[in-house]
Amino acid sequence: MIGNFLSVAMKVLILFLLMSVGFVLGRKKIITETGTDQMNFLLLNVVVPCVIIDAFQVDKSQIPTWNLWFTVIAGLVYVLAAVVIVKFCFNKEPDGRRQVLKFGAMFSNCGFMGFPMVQEVLGDRGMVYAAIINTIVTVAMWTVGFVVMGKEGERISIRKVALNPGAVGVYIGLPLLLFSLELPDPFQSVVGFLADMNTPLAMICIGVFISKTKLLDIFKEKTLYWVTVIRLLLIPAAVMGILLLFQPDYIPMMSSIIQFCAPSAGLTAIFAARFRHDTTLAAKTVAISTLLSILTMPLFCVALQTIYGV
């Protein structure tokens, strides 16, 4: 068990060091506000779709159908559990804070933090399941999350739900998987190269984001600890307990849980600005959950490795 923990901790350390590069570059203002926005755009709209397309470029016969269905079930269980748990939390907080805290507790940062961690722990074999989870969570953020964060009477944008970058990647990648098709070269090579950018670029972006917050102020806000406990421990632990009842295979289970125990989604800050809620609180929520996830994500990985005897 100690060996497993050290192995996972080493993988997390790699991600942390990459994050530190972004933190230093952000603090020294070498990467500017404009540069950060451009990197985020590149990551969300180009790299993440390529990660998803590349993940589906596998032999369908090597992926049990039940594993795919289990991953869909896992994503739905996660969303339902998050809704139920958070429904009873932060209700006494004032308007503008309440929505931010609920959203930050509910939704994980699958693409930025989940994908790199899955890649480090499981390699390419776990990415197809991670892509499915990412799609479900993204759709939930733009529907359920939109309602949680939005104001009464605000209409959900079906176009944004259907055309978010992760969904576009699935539209291209899933048919390739189902019909056992491969992208021709050089397109496959280009997609692969762009997909390989995900881990370093995502970690650097997160590091830059954290560099813009006052770290001491983050740890002074007691409410943020409750958000972090719910996001990093309570929801993923509850979902893991439920999913183990299905007796799933190790790889889809590990891939799913890594996604579920990731820190608060970056969309927390984006939606907070969109609906004119407390953007400072949103930034702190993402920052503190990201920092503490470096400690909590390995715990879930090691717990599953111990359960499965890996």
Protein backbone atom coordinates (compact mmCIF):
# COMPACT_ATOMS: atom_id res chain seq x y z
CA MET A 1 0.00 0.00 0.00
CA ILE A 2 2.86 2.37 0.84
CA GLY A 3 4.44 1.51 -2.50
CA ASN A 4 1.19 2.34 -4.32
CA PHE A 5 0.89 5.65 -2.48
CA LEU A 6 4.47 6.63 -3.32
CA SER A 7 3.94 5.67 -6.96
CA VAL A 8 0.79 7.80 -7.27
CA ALA A 9 2.33 10.61 -5.20
CA MET A 10 5.26 10.72 -7.64
CA LYS A 11 2.83 11.13 -10.55
CA VAL A 12 1.04 13.92 -8.68
CA LEU A 13 4.41 15.53 -7.94
CA ILE A 14 5.09 15.68 -11.68
CA LEU A 15 1.79 17.50 -12.20
CA PHE A 16 2.56 19.80 -9.27
CA LEU A 17 5.96 20.72 -10.70
CA LEU A 18 4.36 21.53 -14.05
CA MET A 19 1.81 23.64 -12.17
CA SER A 20 4.69 25.40 -10.38
CA VAL A 21 6.13 26.44 -13.75
CA GLY A 22 2.85 28.21 -14.53
CA PHE A 23 2.74 29.72 -11.04
CA VAL A 24 6.21 31.26 -11.35
CA LEU A 25 5.56 32.53 -14.88
CA GLY A 26 2.28 34.04 -13.70
CA ARG A 27 3.73 35.67 -10.58
CA LYS A 28 6.56 37.21 -12.59
CA LYS A 29 3.97 38.35 -15.17
CA ILE A 30 5.90 36.64 -17.94
CA ILE A 31 2.54 35.13 -18.94
CA THR A 32 0.13 38.06 -19.11
CA GLU A 33 -3.66 38.15 -18.75
CA THR A 34 -3.97 38.07 -22.53
CA GLY A 35 -1.54 35.18 -22.75
CA THR A 36 -3.51 33.24 -20.14
CA ASP A 37 -6.75 33.73 -22.06
CA GLN A 38 -5.09 32.59 -25.27
CA MET A 39 -3.63 29.48 -23.60
CA ASN A 40 -7.01 28.61 -22.09
CA PHE A 41 -8.66 29.04 -25.48
CA LEU A 42 -6.08 26.77 -27.11
CA LEU A 43 -6.52 24.16 -24.39
CA LEU A 44 -10.32 24.13 -24.34
CA ASN A 45 -11.05 24.51 -28.03
CA VAL A 46 -8.17 22.66 -29.69
CA VAL A 47 -6.25 20.40 -27.30
CA VAL A 48 -9.14 18.87 -25.30
CA PRO A 49 -11.14 17.88 -28.42
CA CYS A 50 -7.96 16.29 -29.81
CA VAL A 51 -7.47 14.39 -26.53
CA ILE A 52 -10.99 13.00 -26.86
CA ILE A 53 -10.61 12.11 -30.55
CA ASP A 54 -7.25 10.46 -29.86
CA ALA A 55 -8.77 8.51 -26.95
CA PHE A 56 -11.36 6.97 -29.28
CA GLN A 57 -8.66 5.84 -31.72
CA VAL A 58 -8.50 2.35 -30.22
CA ASP A 59 -9.53 -1.11 -31.31
CA LYS A 60 -13.20 -1.49 -30.33
CA SER A 61 -12.73 -5.23 -29.76
CA GLN A 62 -10.33 -4.43 -26.89
CA ILE A 63 -12.97 -2.43 -25.01
CA PRO A 64 -15.73 -4.51 -23.38
CA THR A 65 -19.17 -3.06 -24.13
CA TRP A 66 -20.09 -3.33 -20.45
CA ASN A 67 -17.15 -1.08 -19.54
CA LEU A 68 -18.50 1.64 -21.83
CA TRP A 69 -22.01 1.32 -20.39
CA PHE A 70 -20.62 1.30 -16.86
CA THR A 71 -18.80 4.56 -17.54
CA VAL A 72 -22.04 6.18 -18.73
CA ILE A 73 -23.80 4.91 -15.58
CA ALA A 74 -20.91 6.19 -13.45
CA GLY A 75 -21.22 9.67 -14.94
CA LEU A 76 -24.96 9.78 -14.31
CA VAL A 77 -24.56 8.49 -10.74
CA TYR A 78 -21.96 11.18 -10.08
CA VAL A 79 -24.20 14.00 -11.32
CA LEU A 80 -27.20 12.71 -9.34
CA ALA A 81 -25.14 12.27 -6.15
CA ALA A 82 -23.65 15.75 -6.49
CA VAL A 83 -27.11 17.31 -6.94
CA VAL A 84 -28.57 15.49 -3.92
CA ILE A 85 -25.64 16.21 -1.58
CA VAL A 86 -25.22 19.88 -2.51
CA LYS A 87 -28.97 20.54 -2.32
CA PHE A 88 -28.63 20.61 1.48
CA CYS A 89 -25.45 22.72 1.57
CA PHE A 90 -24.79 26.48 1.68
CA ASN A 91 -28.49 27.39 1.70
CA LYS A 92 -27.92 30.09 4.35
CA GLU A 93 -25.24 31.84 2.32
CA PRO A 94 -26.25 35.17 0.72
CA ASP A 95 -27.20 35.41 -2.94
CA GLY A 96 -24.09 35.63 -5.11
CA ARG A 97 -22.06 33.41 -2.80
CA ARG A 98 -24.55 30.55 -2.49
CA GLN A 99 -24.56 29.77 -6.21
CA VAL A 100 -20.77 29.85 -6.47
CA LEU A 101 -20.26 27.54 -3.50
CA LYS A 102 -22.86 25.03 -4.72
CA PHE A 103 -21.46 24.93 -8.25
CA GLY A 104 -17.87 24.67 -7.03
CA ALA A 105 -18.77 21.76 -4.77
CA MET A 106 -20.73 19.91 -7.44
CA PHE A 107 -18.57 19.89 -10.54
CA SER A 108 -15.02 18.64 -11.02
CA ASN A 109 -12.29 19.86 -13.33
CA CYS A 110 -12.29 16.79 -15.58
CA GLY A 111 -10.44 18.19 -18.57
CA PHE A 112 -7.76 20.29 -16.86
CA MET A 113 -6.95 18.08 -13.85
CA GLY A 114 -8.74 14.78 -14.52
CA PHE A 115 -7.32 14.02 -17.97
CA PRO A 116 -3.66 14.54 -16.97
CA MET A 117 -4.10 12.41 -13.84
CA VAL A 118 -5.77 9.59 -15.77
CA GLN A 119 -2.96 9.75 -18.32
CA GLU A 120 -0.33 9.53 -15.57
CA VAL A 121 -1.98 6.69 -13.62
CA LEU A 122 -3.52 4.56 -16.40
CA GLY A 123 -1.93 5.74 -19.63
CA ASP A 124 -3.83 5.67 -22.93
CA ARG A 125 -5.97 2.69 -21.86
CA GLY A 126 -7.95 4.87 -19.46
CA MET A 127 -8.52 7.85 -21.73
CA VAL A 128 -11.55 6.55 -23.66
CA TYR A 129 -13.46 6.23 -20.37
CA ALA A 130 -12.21 9.63 -19.24
CA ALA A 131 -13.54 11.14 -22.47
CA ILE A 132 -17.01 9.71 -21.81
CA ILE A 133 -17.06 11.02 -18.23
CA ASN A 134 -15.85 14.43 -19.37
CA THR A 135 -18.70 14.66 -21.87
CA ILE A 136 -21.36 13.77 -19.30
CA VAL A 137 -19.98 16.19 -16.70
CA THR A 138 -19.64 19.00 -19.25
CA VAL A 139 -23.25 18.58 -20.40
CA ALA A 140 -24.34 18.54 -16.73
CA MET A 141 -22.44 21.77 -16.04
CA TRP A 142 -24.17 23.54 -18.93
CA THR A 143 -27.63 22.27 -17.91
CA VAL A 144 -27.90 21.41 -14.21
CA GLY A 145 -25.01 23.73 -13.34
CA PHE A 146 -26.50 26.54 -15.40
CA VAL A 147 -29.70 26.28 -13.33
CA VAL A 148 -27.74 26.18 -10.05
CA MET A 149 -25.61 29.19 -10.96
CA GLY A 150 -28.18 31.10 -12.99
CA LYS A 151 -31.02 33.38 -12.10
CA GLU A 152 -34.70 32.53 -12.22
CA GLY A 153 -36.04 32.68 -15.75
CA GLU A 154 -32.58 32.38 -17.35
CA ARG A 155 -32.74 30.12 -20.41
CA ILE A 156 -30.27 27.31 -21.03
CA SER A 157 -28.36 27.66 -24.31
CA ILE A 158 -28.92 24.38 -26.15
CA ARG A 159 -26.40 25.50 -28.75
CA LYS A 160 -23.64 25.87 -26.13
CA VAL A 161 -24.53 22.48 -24.64
CA ALA A 162 -24.45 20.75 -28.02
CA LEU A 163 -21.40 22.55 -29.40
CA ASN A 164 -19.08 22.71 -26.38
CA PRO A 165 -15.55 21.61 -27.38
CA GLY A 166 -15.72 18.30 -25.50
CA ALA A 167 -18.95 17.34 -27.25
CA VAL A 168 -17.47 18.18 -30.65
CA GLY A 169 -14.57 15.84 -29.88
CA VAL A 170 -17.07 13.07 -29.08
CA TYR A 171 -19.03 13.72 -32.30
CA ILE A 172 -15.85 13.10 -34.27
CA GLY A 173 -14.25 10.41 -32.12
CA LEU A 174 -17.19 8.17 -31.22
CA PRO A 175 -18.11 7.22 -34.83
CA LEU A 176 -14.44 6.41 -35.42
CA LEU A 177 -14.58 3.98 -32.48
CA LEU A 178 -17.97 2.46 -33.32
CA PHE A 179 -17.10 1.83 -36.98
CA SER A 180 -13.45 0.87 -36.29
CA LEU A 181 -12.12 3.72 -38.41
CA GLU A 182 -8.75 5.42 -38.15
CA LEU A 183 -7.84 8.95 -39.07
CA PRO A 184 -5.45 8.93 -42.02
CA ASP A 185 -1.94 10.27 -41.64
CA PRO A 186 -0.93 13.03 -41.30
CA PHE A 187 -4.18 13.93 -39.48
CA GLN A 188 -3.73 11.19 -36.89
CA SER A 189 -0.22 12.42 -36.12
CA VAL A 190 -1.39 16.02 -35.78
CA VAL A 191 -4.22 15.00 -33.44
CA GLY A 192 -1.78 12.91 -31.41
CA PHE A 193 0.75 15.73 -31.09
CA LEU A 194 -1.94 18.20 -29.99
CA ALA A 195 -3.36 15.67 -27.51
CA ASP A 196 0.11 15.23 -25.99
CA MET A 197 0.09 18.95 -25.14
CA ASN A 198 -2.81 18.48 -22.71
CA THR A 199 -0.95 17.59 -19.52
CA PRO A 200 1.79 20.27 -19.56
CA LEU A 201 -0.46 23.00 -20.96
CA ALA A 202 -3.32 22.29 -18.54
CA MET A 203 -1.02 22.25 -15.51
CA ILE A 204 0.71 25.47 -16.57
CA CYS A 205 -2.68 27.16 -17.08
CA ILE A 206 -3.79 26.09 -13.59
CA GLY A 207 -0.51 27.34 -12.11
CA VAL A 208 -0.96 30.74 -13.76
CA PHE A 209 -4.55 30.89 -12.49
CA ILE A 210 -3.46 30.18 -8.90
CA SER A 211 -0.69 32.79 -9.17
CA LYS A 212 -3.34 35.50 -9.53
CA THR A 213 -4.84 34.76 -6.10
CA LYS A 214 -3.52 35.73 -2.67
CA LEU A 215 -2.70 32.35 -1.15
CA LEU A 216 -2.94 33.49 2.48
CA ASP A 217 -6.40 34.94 1.89
CA ILE A 218 -7.57 31.63 0.45
CA PHE A 219 -6.86 29.75 3.66
CA LYS A 220 -8.57 32.38 5.84
CA GLU A 221 -12.06 31.75 4.41
CA LYS A 222 -13.60 28.93 6.48
CA THR A 223 -16.48 28.27 4.08
CA LEU A 224 -13.99 27.22 1.42
CA TYR A 225 -12.91 24.29 3.58
CA TRP A 226 -16.48 22.95 3.52
CA VAL A 227 -16.59 23.30 -0.26
CA THR A 228 -13.30 21.47 -0.50
CA VAL A 229 -14.39 18.62 1.78
CA ILE A 230 -17.58 18.11 -0.24
CA ARG A 231 -15.83 18.40 -3.63
CA LEU A 232 -12.68 16.40 -2.90
CA LEU A 233 -13.89 13.84 -0.35
CA LEU A 234 -17.62 13.49 0.28
CA ILE A 235 -19.01 13.33 -3.27
CA PRO A 236 -16.29 11.08 -4.75
CA ALA A 237 -16.40 8.76 -1.70
CA ALA A 238 -20.19 8.42 -1.94
CA VAL A 239 -20.03 7.76 -5.68
CA MET A 240 -17.19 5.26 -5.30
CA GLY A 241 -19.19 3.32 -2.70
CA ILE A 242 -22.20 3.13 -5.02
CA LEU A 243 -20.19 2.18 -8.11
CA LEU A 244 -18.34 -0.64 -6.35
CA LEU A 245 -21.71 -2.39 -6.04
CA PHE A 246 -21.59 -2.87 -9.84
CA GLN A 247 -18.29 -4.78 -9.49
CA PRO A 248 -16.69 -2.94 -12.43
CA ASP A 249 -13.33 -3.61 -14.02
CA TYR A 250 -10.39 -1.71 -12.59
CA ILE A 251 -9.55 0.61 -15.49
CA PRO A 252 -13.01 2.18 -16.11
CA MET A 253 -13.53 2.45 -12.34
CA MET A 254 -10.19 4.15 -11.71
CA SER A 255 -10.63 6.45 -14.70
CA SER A 256 -14.08 7.49 -13.47
CA ILE A 257 -13.09 8.09 -9.84
CA ILE A 258 -10.05 10.15 -10.82
CA GLN A 259 -12.38 12.43 -12.77
CA PHE A 260 -14.85 12.63 -9.88
CA CYS A 261 -12.28 13.54 -7.20
CA ALA A 262 -10.71 16.33 -9.26
CA PRO A 263 -10.93 19.91 -7.90
CA SER A 264 -13.64 22.46 -8.67
CA ALA A 265 -14.24 23.14 -12.35
CA GLY A 266 -12.73 26.23 -13.92
CA LEU A 267 -16.22 26.99 -15.22
CA THR A 268 -17.03 28.03 -11.63
CA ALA A 269 -15.18 31.30 -12.18
CA ILE A 270 -16.49 31.75 -15.73
CA PHE A 271 -20.13 31.30 -14.69
CA ALA A 272 -19.61 33.54 -11.65
CA ALA A 273 -18.55 36.35 -13.97
CA ARG A 274 -21.34 35.54 -16.43
CA PHE A 275 -24.06 35.86 -13.75
CA ARG A 276 -22.31 38.65 -11.80
CA HIS A 277 -21.80 36.58 -8.68
CA ASP A 278 -18.78 36.73 -6.34
CA THR A 279 -15.91 36.17 -8.79
CA THR A 280 -13.25 36.48 -6.08
CA LEU A 281 -14.90 33.67 -4.13
CA ALA A 282 -15.07 31.59 -7.31
CA ALA A 283 -11.35 32.04 -7.96
CA LYS A 284 -10.54 31.11 -4.36
CA THR A 285 -12.76 28.01 -4.60
CA VAL A 286 -10.96 26.74 -7.69
CA ALA A 287 -7.54 27.61 -6.26
CA ILE A 288 -7.88 25.99 -2.82
CA SER A 289 -9.55 22.84 -4.17
CA THR A 290 -6.80 22.50 -6.78
CA LEU A 291 -4.03 22.88 -4.19
CA LEU A 292 -5.59 20.40 -1.75
CA SER A 293 -6.45 17.90 -4.50
CA ILE A 294 -2.73 17.23 -4.76
CA LEU A 295 -3.14 15.47 -1.39
CA THR A 296 -6.61 13.91 -1.80
CA MET A 297 -6.48 12.50 -5.34
CA PRO A 298 -3.69 10.04 -4.50
CA LEU A 299 -5.76 8.76 -1.54
CA PHE A 300 -8.58 7.64 -3.85
CA CYS A 301 -6.14 6.13 -6.33
CA VAL A 302 -4.40 4.13 -3.62
CA ALA A 303 -7.73 3.08 -2.07
CA LEU A 304 -8.89 1.63 -5.40
CA GLN A 305 -5.53 -0.01 -6.08
CA THR A 306 -5.76 -1.66 -2.66
CA ILE A 307 -9.35 -2.82 -3.24
CA TYR A 308 -8.47 -4.30 -6.65
CA GLY A 309 -5.12 -5.66 -5.50
CA VAL A 310 -3.24 -3.78 -8.21
